[in-house]
Amino acid sequence: MEHEIETMWMDGMRFNALVQGHTVVMDAPERVGGTDEGTVPKPLVLAALAGCTGMDVIGLLRKDGRTLRSFAMRVRGELSKGAPMVYVAAHVLFEAEGDLEDEQAVINVVRRSQNELCGVAAMLRCSMPVTWELRFNGSSVATGAGPSATRIDVPDVGLPLGL
């Protein structure tokens, strides 16, 4: 299995990426030659982390017959100071509201997502720490750092080094 996206330069600094039939618009701010008609690319990594772990959490809760009144995530990525600017750490804040009897189930599925299931978190942990906090009904109830970062062995597919 593999994923493939297609990205086309539109004009100026604007690119459209076709991702599984959906268009993602990327652009730069006006101060660097763009028209600010889309996000800059790097924060999409943080959005991928939130989407991946969020889908785990909601999917596992639904499978267990549980629902939340509300669920949101905020992901903060710390950037390096020099070029190339890369994320050096990420923190996911999960904010859930629901029935008190579901609190432990929510803790368990967040922990499971971060430790076992979320492929984006696993990829990012290969290069930086990914920590998390869960707030349930406004109170901090759990924190974590996921498992230790380990290199993921990827088979050689014959691509030149650096691609």
Protein backbone atom coordinates (compact mmCIF):
# COMPACT_ATOMS: atom_id res chain seq x y z
CA MET A 1 0.00 0.00 0.00
CA GLU A 2 1.19 3.50 -0.71
CA HIS A 3 -0.13 7.02 -0.88
CA GLU A 4 0.59 9.40 -3.72
CA ILE A 5 -0.35 13.04 -4.07
CA GLU A 6 -0.05 15.37 -7.04
CA THR A 7 0.92 19.00 -6.57
CA MET A 8 0.68 21.68 -9.23
CA TRP A 9 2.11 25.18 -9.21
CA MET A 10 -0.76 27.56 -9.94
CA ASP A 11 0.87 31.01 -9.91
CA GLY A 12 3.01 33.19 -7.67
CA MET A 13 3.72 31.03 -4.61
CA ARG A 14 0.40 29.13 -4.76
CA PHE A 15 0.29 25.35 -5.15
CA ASN A 16 -2.69 23.01 -5.25
CA ALA A 17 -2.17 19.49 -3.94
CA LEU A 18 -4.63 16.79 -4.94
CA VAL A 19 -4.91 14.44 -1.95
CA GLN A 20 -7.26 11.48 -2.39
CA GLY A 21 -9.57 13.56 -4.57
CA HIS A 22 -9.49 16.64 -2.33
CA THR A 23 -7.67 19.87 -3.17
CA VAL A 24 -5.39 21.41 -0.55
CA VAL A 25 -4.31 24.98 -1.36
CA MET A 26 -0.91 26.13 -0.18
CA ASP A 27 0.37 29.67 -0.54
CA ALA A 28 2.80 32.08 1.06
CA PRO A 29 2.00 35.35 2.79
CA GLU A 30 2.14 38.53 0.72
CA ARG A 31 5.38 39.64 2.42
CA VAL A 32 7.24 36.79 0.68
CA GLY A 33 5.54 36.93 -2.72
CA GLY A 34 2.36 34.97 -2.15
CA THR A 35 -1.26 36.05 -2.03
CA ASP A 36 -2.12 34.27 1.26
CA GLU A 37 -4.84 32.18 -0.43
CA GLY A 38 -3.88 29.03 1.47
CA THR A 39 -1.83 27.78 4.36
CA VAL A 40 1.93 27.52 4.26
CA PRO A 41 2.85 23.82 4.02
CA LYS A 42 4.54 23.09 7.35
CA PRO A 43 1.46 23.41 9.64
CA LEU A 44 -0.23 20.70 7.56
CA VAL A 45 2.05 18.26 9.41
CA LEU A 46 0.40 19.38 12.67
CA ALA A 47 -3.06 19.08 11.07
CA ALA A 48 -2.18 15.53 9.98
CA LEU A 49 -1.20 14.68 13.56
CA ALA A 50 -4.49 16.05 14.92
CA GLY A 51 -6.57 14.36 12.24
CA CYS A 52 -4.87 10.99 12.70
CA THR A 53 -5.12 10.84 16.48
CA GLY A 54 -8.57 12.46 16.52
CA MET A 55 -9.98 9.82 14.17
CA ASP A 56 -8.47 7.12 16.39
CA VAL A 57 -10.10 8.57 19.49
CA ILE A 58 -13.57 9.10 18.01
CA GLY A 59 -13.49 5.75 16.17
CA LEU A 60 -12.52 3.80 19.30
CA LEU A 61 -15.12 5.57 21.43
CA ARG A 62 -17.85 4.87 18.84
CA LYS A 63 -16.80 1.21 18.67
CA ASP A 64 -17.28 1.09 22.46
CA GLY A 65 -20.72 2.76 22.17
CA ARG A 66 -19.58 6.01 23.80
CA THR A 67 -20.13 9.58 22.63
CA LEU A 68 -18.76 12.94 23.67
CA ARG A 69 -20.57 16.26 23.89
CA SER A 70 -17.55 17.96 22.32
CA PHE A 71 -14.04 17.07 21.26
CA ALA A 72 -11.26 19.30 19.95
CA MET A 73 -7.49 19.25 19.69
CA ARG A 74 -4.87 21.94 19.60
CA VAL A 75 -1.43 20.98 18.33
CA ARG A 76 1.59 23.16 18.95
CA GLY A 77 4.81 22.60 17.01
CA GLU A 78 8.06 24.17 18.19
CA LEU A 79 10.25 25.32 15.30
CA SER A 80 14.03 25.25 15.21
CA LYS A 81 15.82 28.57 15.25
CA GLY A 82 17.98 28.06 12.15
CA ALA A 83 17.59 26.90 8.60
CA PRO A 84 16.15 24.60 7.63
CA MET A 85 13.35 25.45 10.02
CA VAL A 86 11.91 22.14 11.22
CA TYR A 87 9.65 21.09 14.05
CA VAL A 88 11.74 19.99 17.01
CA ALA A 89 8.83 19.12 19.33
CA ALA A 90 5.06 18.79 19.17
CA HIS A 91 2.39 18.86 21.86
CA VAL A 92 -1.22 17.72 21.41
CA LEU A 93 -3.87 19.12 23.75
CA PHE A 94 -7.05 17.01 23.68
CA GLU A 95 -10.15 18.77 25.03
CA ALA A 96 -13.15 16.51 25.59
CA GLU A 97 -16.49 17.03 27.26
CA GLY A 98 -18.73 14.15 28.17
CA ASP A 99 -20.32 12.08 30.90
CA LEU A 100 -18.11 11.45 33.95
CA GLU A 101 -18.51 7.68 33.59
CA ASP A 102 -16.73 7.95 30.19
CA GLU A 103 -13.64 9.75 31.53
CA GLN A 104 -11.47 6.65 31.95
CA ALA A 105 -12.49 5.33 28.52
CA VAL A 106 -11.41 8.62 26.95
CA ILE A 107 -8.07 8.49 28.78
CA ASN A 108 -7.56 4.93 27.57
CA VAL A 109 -8.30 5.65 23.91
CA VAL A 110 -6.14 8.80 23.84
CA ARG A 111 -3.28 6.82 25.38
CA ARG A 112 -3.82 3.95 22.92
CA SER A 113 -3.88 6.31 19.95
CA GLN A 114 -0.67 8.02 20.98
CA ASN A 115 1.18 4.86 22.04
CA GLU A 116 0.00 2.30 19.47
CA LEU A 117 -2.20 3.50 16.63
CA CYS A 118 -1.52 6.98 15.26
CA GLY A 119 0.93 6.54 12.39
CA VAL A 120 1.57 10.27 12.09
CA ALA A 121 2.61 10.48 15.75
CA ALA A 122 4.83 7.43 15.26
CA MET A 123 6.54 9.01 12.23
CA LEU A 124 7.06 12.31 14.00
CA ARG A 125 8.51 10.61 17.09
CA CYS A 126 11.32 9.33 14.86
CA SER A 127 12.64 12.89 14.73
CA MET A 128 11.26 14.70 17.79
CA PRO A 129 9.32 14.30 21.02
CA VAL A 130 5.52 14.27 20.77
CA THR A 131 3.79 14.92 24.08
CA TRP A 132 0.12 15.16 24.94
CA GLU A 133 -2.36 16.29 27.57
CA LEU A 134 -6.03 15.39 27.95
CA ARG A 135 -8.48 17.82 29.51
CA PHE A 136 -11.83 16.23 30.33
CA ASN A 137 -14.66 18.60 31.27
CA GLY A 138 -12.09 21.36 31.75
CA SER A 139 -9.72 19.47 34.07
CA SER A 140 -6.35 18.01 33.14
CA VAL A 141 -6.74 14.25 33.68
CA ALA A 142 -3.81 12.66 31.83
CA THR A 143 -0.52 13.48 30.11
CA GLY A 144 1.97 11.46 28.16
CA ALA A 145 4.90 11.39 25.83
CA GLY A 146 4.20 8.29 23.75
CA PRO A 147 6.75 5.51 23.45
CA SER A 148 10.41 6.30 22.95
CA ALA A 149 11.30 7.32 19.44
CA THR A 150 12.58 4.46 17.37
CA ARG A 151 13.66 4.31 13.77
CA ILE A 152 11.07 2.78 11.48
CA ASP A 153 12.67 0.36 9.05
CA VAL A 154 11.54 1.19 5.54
CA PRO A 155 12.41 -1.10 2.66
CA ASP A 156 14.77 0.26 0.01
CA VAL A 157 12.68 1.12 -3.04
CA GLY A 158 15.61 2.24 -5.16
CA LEU A 159 15.13 5.99 -4.84
CA PRO A 160 18.20 8.23 -4.83
CA LEU A 161 19.37 9.33 -1.39
CA GLY A 162 17.59 12.47 -0.23
CA LEU A 163 14.35 12.01 -2.17
